[in-house]
Amino acid sequence: AGALPQIVAAMRAHAANADVQEQACWVLGHIIADDSAQSEACEHVAVDAGVLPQIVAAICTHAGNVDVQQSACRALCNMTSGNDARASRRQWTRCPRSSRR
């Protein structure tokens, strides 16, 4: 869980780099998917570190990149699976409307 702020910082610093975004989402998805007793604490760190908005930003910025989409969606899925009490504490961010059509 200690790596989450650094991963988010790397995603912010390299927002235009699809490879960084895809790999970061992949790592986040695996860290968050951990079912150990530390998982809930990890989720709190993830929310505090701004993981959700950064994953959504990767999805929006790299809408045409299948690898980013798959890794980001898997990370979101892993964050949203689990019991309702944990899910209700999460903060959600909407994708801004794209000017591209």
N, C-alpha and C. Protein backbone atom coordinates (compact mmCIF):
# COMPACT_ATOMS: atom_id res chain seq x y z
N ALA A 1 0.82 -1.20 0.00
CA ALA A 1 0.00 0.00 0.00
C ALA A 1 0.86 1.26 0.00
N GLY A 2 2.09 1.13 0.51
CA GLY A 2 2.97 2.29 0.57
C GLY A 2 3.39 2.82 -0.78
N ALA A 3 3.29 1.99 -1.80
CA ALA A 3 3.69 2.41 -3.15
C ALA A 3 2.60 3.19 -3.87
N LEU A 4 1.38 3.15 -3.37
CA LEU A 4 0.26 3.77 -4.10
C LEU A 4 0.47 5.25 -4.38
N PRO A 5 0.90 6.08 -3.41
CA PRO A 5 1.11 7.49 -3.74
C PRO A 5 2.16 7.70 -4.83
N GLN A 6 3.20 6.88 -4.84
CA GLN A 6 4.24 7.01 -5.86
C GLN A 6 3.72 6.60 -7.23
N ILE A 7 2.87 5.58 -7.27
CA ILE A 7 2.28 5.15 -8.55
C ILE A 7 1.39 6.26 -9.10
N VAL A 8 0.57 6.83 -8.24
CA VAL A 8 -0.31 7.93 -8.66
C VAL A 8 0.52 9.12 -9.13
N ALA A 9 1.60 9.43 -8.43
CA ALA A 9 2.46 10.54 -8.84
C ALA A 9 3.08 10.28 -10.21
N ALA A 10 3.48 9.05 -10.46
CA ALA A 10 4.03 8.70 -11.77
C ALA A 10 2.97 8.83 -12.85
N MET A 11 1.74 8.42 -12.54
CA MET A 11 0.65 8.56 -13.51
C MET A 11 0.39 10.02 -13.84
N ARG A 12 0.43 10.87 -12.82
CA ARG A 12 0.21 12.31 -13.04
C ARG A 12 1.34 12.91 -13.86
N ALA A 13 2.56 12.52 -13.52
CA ALA A 13 3.74 13.10 -14.20
C ALA A 13 3.84 12.65 -15.66
N HIS A 14 3.29 11.49 -15.96
CA HIS A 14 3.40 10.92 -17.31
C HIS A 14 2.01 10.61 -17.88
N ALA A 15 1.10 11.55 -17.70
CA ALA A 15 -0.30 11.34 -18.11
C ALA A 15 -0.44 11.05 -19.60
N ALA A 16 0.42 11.60 -20.42
CA ALA A 16 0.31 11.40 -21.87
C ALA A 16 0.96 10.10 -22.35
N ASN A 17 1.65 9.40 -21.47
CA ASN A 17 2.35 8.18 -21.85
C ASN A 17 1.45 6.96 -21.59
N ALA A 18 0.94 6.38 -22.65
CA ALA A 18 0.01 5.26 -22.54
C ALA A 18 0.64 4.06 -21.86
N ASP A 19 1.92 3.81 -22.12
CA ASP A 19 2.58 2.66 -21.49
C ASP A 19 2.64 2.81 -19.97
N VAL A 20 2.98 4.01 -19.50
CA VAL A 20 3.03 4.25 -18.06
C VAL A 20 1.64 4.06 -17.45
N GLN A 21 0.63 4.60 -18.13
CA GLN A 21 -0.74 4.49 -17.62
C GLN A 21 -1.21 3.03 -17.55
N GLU A 22 -0.92 2.29 -18.61
CA GLU A 22 -1.35 0.88 -18.66
C GLU A 22 -0.67 0.07 -17.56
N GLN A 23 0.65 0.23 -17.44
CA GLN A 23 1.38 -0.53 -16.43
C GLN A 23 0.98 -0.13 -15.01
N ALA A 24 0.78 1.16 -14.80
CA ALA A 24 0.36 1.63 -13.48
C ALA A 24 -1.02 1.08 -13.12
N CYS A 25 -1.93 1.09 -14.06
CA CYS A 25 -3.27 0.54 -13.81
C CYS A 25 -3.19 -0.96 -13.53
N TRP A 26 -2.32 -1.64 -14.26
CA TRP A 26 -2.15 -3.08 -14.05
C TRP A 26 -1.67 -3.34 -12.62
N VAL A 27 -0.65 -2.59 -12.20
CA VAL A 27 -0.11 -2.76 -10.84
C VAL A 27 -1.17 -2.40 -9.80
N LEU A 28 -1.86 -1.29 -9.99
CA LEU A 28 -2.90 -0.88 -9.04
C LEU A 28 -3.97 -1.96 -8.91
N GLY A 29 -4.39 -2.51 -10.04
CA GLY A 29 -5.40 -3.55 -10.02
C GLY A 29 -4.98 -4.76 -9.21
N HIS A 30 -3.71 -5.11 -9.30
CA HIS A 30 -3.21 -6.27 -8.56
C HIS A 30 -3.02 -5.95 -7.08
N ILE A 31 -2.56 -4.77 -6.76
CA ILE A 31 -2.39 -4.39 -5.35
C ILE A 31 -3.75 -4.36 -4.67
N ILE A 32 -4.72 -3.76 -5.32
CA ILE A 32 -6.04 -3.58 -4.73
C ILE A 32 -6.82 -4.89 -4.68
N ALA A 33 -6.52 -5.83 -5.56
CA ALA A 33 -7.24 -7.10 -5.60
C ALA A 33 -6.86 -8.03 -4.46
N ASP A 34 -5.80 -7.71 -3.74
CA ASP A 34 -5.33 -8.56 -2.65
C ASP A 34 -6.46 -8.76 -1.64
N ASP A 35 -6.77 -10.01 -1.34
CA ASP A 35 -7.86 -10.33 -0.41
C ASP A 35 -7.37 -10.52 1.02
N SER A 36 -6.16 -10.12 1.31
CA SER A 36 -5.62 -10.31 2.65
C SER A 36 -6.28 -9.34 3.63
N ALA A 37 -5.93 -9.48 4.88
CA ALA A 37 -6.48 -8.61 5.92
C ALA A 37 -6.06 -7.16 5.70
N GLN A 38 -5.00 -6.92 4.94
CA GLN A 38 -4.53 -5.56 4.69
C GLN A 38 -5.29 -4.88 3.56
N SER A 39 -6.15 -5.63 2.88
CA SER A 39 -6.82 -5.10 1.70
C SER A 39 -7.67 -3.87 2.01
N GLU A 40 -8.43 -3.90 3.10
CA GLU A 40 -9.28 -2.76 3.42
C GLU A 40 -8.44 -1.53 3.75
N ALA A 41 -7.34 -1.72 4.47
CA ALA A 41 -6.45 -0.60 4.76
C ALA A 41 -5.85 -0.06 3.47
N CYS A 42 -5.53 -0.96 2.56
CA CYS A 42 -4.98 -0.56 1.26
C CYS A 42 -6.00 0.28 0.50
N GLU A 43 -7.26 -0.08 0.57
CA GLU A 43 -8.29 0.70 -0.12
C GLU A 43 -8.36 2.12 0.42
N HIS A 44 -8.23 2.29 1.72
CA HIS A 44 -8.24 3.64 2.30
C HIS A 44 -7.06 4.45 1.77
N VAL A 45 -5.89 3.82 1.72
CA VAL A 45 -4.70 4.49 1.19
C VAL A 45 -4.93 4.84 -0.28
N ALA A 46 -5.55 3.93 -1.02
CA ALA A 46 -5.81 4.16 -2.44
C ALA A 46 -6.72 5.36 -2.64
N VAL A 47 -7.76 5.46 -1.85
CA VAL A 47 -8.69 6.60 -1.96
C VAL A 47 -7.95 7.89 -1.59
N ASP A 48 -7.21 7.85 -0.49
CA ASP A 48 -6.47 9.04 -0.06
C ASP A 48 -5.42 9.47 -1.07
N ALA A 49 -4.83 8.51 -1.77
CA ALA A 49 -3.77 8.81 -2.74
C ALA A 49 -4.34 9.33 -4.06
N GLY A 50 -5.65 9.24 -4.25
CA GLY A 50 -6.25 9.72 -5.49
C GLY A 50 -6.22 8.72 -6.62
N VAL A 51 -6.24 7.43 -6.28
CA VAL A 51 -6.17 6.38 -7.29
C VAL A 51 -7.36 6.44 -8.25
N LEU A 52 -8.58 6.58 -7.73
CA LEU A 52 -9.76 6.56 -8.60
C LEU A 52 -9.73 7.66 -9.66
N PRO A 53 -9.53 8.91 -9.29
CA PRO A 53 -9.50 9.94 -10.33
C PRO A 53 -8.38 9.73 -11.34
N GLN A 54 -7.27 9.16 -10.89
CA GLN A 54 -6.16 8.95 -11.81
C GLN A 54 -6.45 7.83 -12.79
N ILE A 55 -7.13 6.79 -12.34
CA ILE A 55 -7.53 5.71 -13.25
C ILE A 55 -8.53 6.24 -14.27
N VAL A 56 -9.49 7.04 -13.79
CA VAL A 56 -10.48 7.63 -14.71
C VAL A 56 -9.79 8.55 -15.71
N ALA A 57 -8.80 9.31 -15.26
CA ALA A 57 -8.05 10.18 -16.18
C ALA A 57 -7.33 9.36 -17.25
N ALA A 58 -6.78 8.22 -16.86
CA ALA A 58 -6.11 7.35 -17.84
C ALA A 58 -7.10 6.83 -18.86
N ILE A 59 -8.29 6.45 -18.40
CA ILE A 59 -9.33 5.96 -19.31
C ILE A 59 -9.72 7.06 -20.31
N CYS A 60 -9.91 8.26 -19.80
CA CYS A 60 -10.35 9.36 -20.66
C CYS A 60 -9.25 9.82 -21.61
N THR A 61 -8.02 9.91 -21.12
CA THR A 61 -6.91 10.40 -21.93
C THR A 61 -6.53 9.41 -23.03
N HIS A 62 -6.65 8.12 -22.73
CA HIS A 62 -6.22 7.08 -23.66
C HIS A 62 -7.41 6.23 -24.10
N ALA A 63 -8.46 6.91 -24.49
CA ALA A 63 -9.71 6.23 -24.86
C ALA A 63 -9.54 5.25 -26.02
N GLY A 64 -8.59 5.49 -26.88
CA GLY A 64 -8.38 4.61 -28.03
C GLY A 64 -7.36 3.51 -27.81
N ASN A 65 -6.82 3.41 -26.61
CA ASN A 65 -5.78 2.42 -26.33
C ASN A 65 -6.40 1.25 -25.57
N VAL A 66 -6.50 0.12 -26.23
CA VAL A 66 -7.15 -1.06 -25.65
C VAL A 66 -6.44 -1.54 -24.39
N ASP A 67 -5.12 -1.50 -24.41
CA ASP A 67 -4.36 -1.98 -23.25
C ASP A 67 -4.63 -1.13 -22.01
N VAL A 68 -4.66 0.18 -22.18
CA VAL A 68 -4.96 1.08 -21.06
C VAL A 68 -6.38 0.81 -20.58
N GLN A 69 -7.32 0.70 -21.51
CA GLN A 69 -8.71 0.47 -21.14
C GLN A 69 -8.88 -0.82 -20.34
N GLN A 70 -8.24 -1.90 -20.79
CA GLN A 70 -8.37 -3.17 -20.09
C GLN A 70 -7.77 -3.11 -18.69
N SER A 71 -6.57 -2.58 -18.58
CA SER A 71 -5.93 -2.52 -17.26
C SER A 71 -6.67 -1.58 -16.32
N ALA A 72 -7.12 -0.45 -16.84
CA ALA A 72 -7.84 0.50 -16.01
C ALA A 72 -9.19 -0.06 -15.56
N CYS A 73 -9.89 -0.70 -16.46
CA CYS A 73 -11.19 -1.29 -16.10
C CYS A 73 -11.02 -2.42 -15.10
N ARG A 74 -9.97 -3.20 -15.26
CA ARG A 74 -9.69 -4.28 -14.30
C ARG A 74 -9.41 -3.67 -12.92
N ALA A 75 -8.63 -2.60 -12.88
CA ALA A 75 -8.33 -1.95 -11.60
C ALA A 75 -9.61 -1.42 -10.95
N LEU A 76 -10.47 -0.78 -11.76
CA LEU A 76 -11.74 -0.28 -11.22
C LEU A 76 -12.61 -1.42 -10.73
N CYS A 77 -12.65 -2.50 -11.49
CA CYS A 77 -13.43 -3.67 -11.09
C CYS A 77 -12.93 -4.20 -9.75
N ASN A 78 -11.64 -4.30 -9.60
CA ASN A 78 -11.07 -4.79 -8.34
C ASN A 78 -11.37 -3.86 -7.18
N MET A 79 -11.42 -2.57 -7.46
CA MET A 79 -11.73 -1.61 -6.40
C MET A 79 -13.20 -1.66 -6.01
N THR A 80 -14.05 -2.01 -6.95
CA THR A 80 -15.48 -1.96 -6.67
C THR A 80 -16.07 -3.30 -6.25
N SER A 81 -15.29 -4.36 -6.35
CA SER A 81 -15.79 -5.65 -5.88
C SER A 81 -15.59 -5.71 -4.37
N GLY A 82 -16.37 -6.51 -3.72
CA GLY A 82 -16.28 -6.60 -2.27
C GLY A 82 -17.61 -6.26 -1.64
N ASN A 83 -17.60 -6.08 -0.36
CA ASN A 83 -18.88 -5.87 0.33
C ASN A 83 -19.38 -4.44 0.14
N ASP A 84 -20.67 -4.27 0.38
CA ASP A 84 -21.32 -2.97 0.15
C ASP A 84 -20.81 -1.87 1.08
N ALA A 85 -20.43 -2.24 2.30
CA ALA A 85 -19.94 -1.23 3.24
C ALA A 85 -18.65 -0.61 2.72
N ARG A 86 -17.75 -1.43 2.18
CA ARG A 86 -16.51 -0.91 1.63
C ARG A 86 -16.80 -0.10 0.38
N ALA A 87 -17.68 -0.58 -0.45
CA ALA A 87 -17.98 0.11 -1.71
C ALA A 87 -18.61 1.47 -1.46
N SER A 88 -19.42 1.60 -0.42
CA SER A 88 -20.13 2.86 -0.17
C SER A 88 -19.18 3.97 0.29
N ARG A 89 -17.98 3.64 0.76
CA ARG A 89 -17.02 4.64 1.21
C ARG A 89 -16.21 5.23 0.08
N ARG A 90 -16.29 4.67 -1.09
CA ARG A 90 -15.45 5.12 -2.20
C ARG A 90 -15.96 6.44 -2.77
N GLN A 91 -15.03 7.22 -3.28
CA GLN A 91 -15.36 8.48 -3.92
C GLN A 91 -15.26 8.28 -5.43
N TRP A 92 -16.25 8.72 -6.15
CA TRP A 92 -16.27 8.49 -7.60
C TRP A 92 -16.04 9.78 -8.35
N THR A 93 -15.47 9.64 -9.50
CA THR A 93 -15.17 10.76 -10.38
C THR A 93 -15.73 10.46 -11.76
N ARG A 94 -16.36 11.44 -12.38
CA ARG A 94 -16.89 11.25 -13.73
C ARG A 94 -15.87 11.68 -14.75
N CYS A 95 -15.89 11.01 -15.86
CA CYS A 95 -15.05 11.38 -17.01
C CYS A 95 -15.58 12.69 -17.57
N PRO A 96 -14.72 13.66 -17.82
CA PRO A 96 -15.20 14.88 -18.46
C PRO A 96 -15.63 14.58 -19.89
N ARG A 97 -16.60 15.31 -20.36
CA ARG A 97 -17.05 15.11 -21.74
C ARG A 97 -15.92 15.44 -22.69
N SER A 98 -15.69 14.56 -23.60
CA SER A 98 -14.62 14.76 -24.57
C SER A 98 -15.11 15.64 -25.70
N SER A 99 -14.21 16.48 -26.17
CA SER A 99 -14.56 17.30 -27.33
C SER A 99 -14.36 16.52 -28.61
N ARG A 100 -13.69 15.35 -28.48
CA ARG A 100 -13.48 14.50 -29.66
C ARG A 100 -14.72 13.66 -29.90
N ARG A 101 -15.06 13.48 -31.13
CA ARG A 101 -16.21 12.63 -31.50
C ARG A 101 -15.83 11.77 -32.64
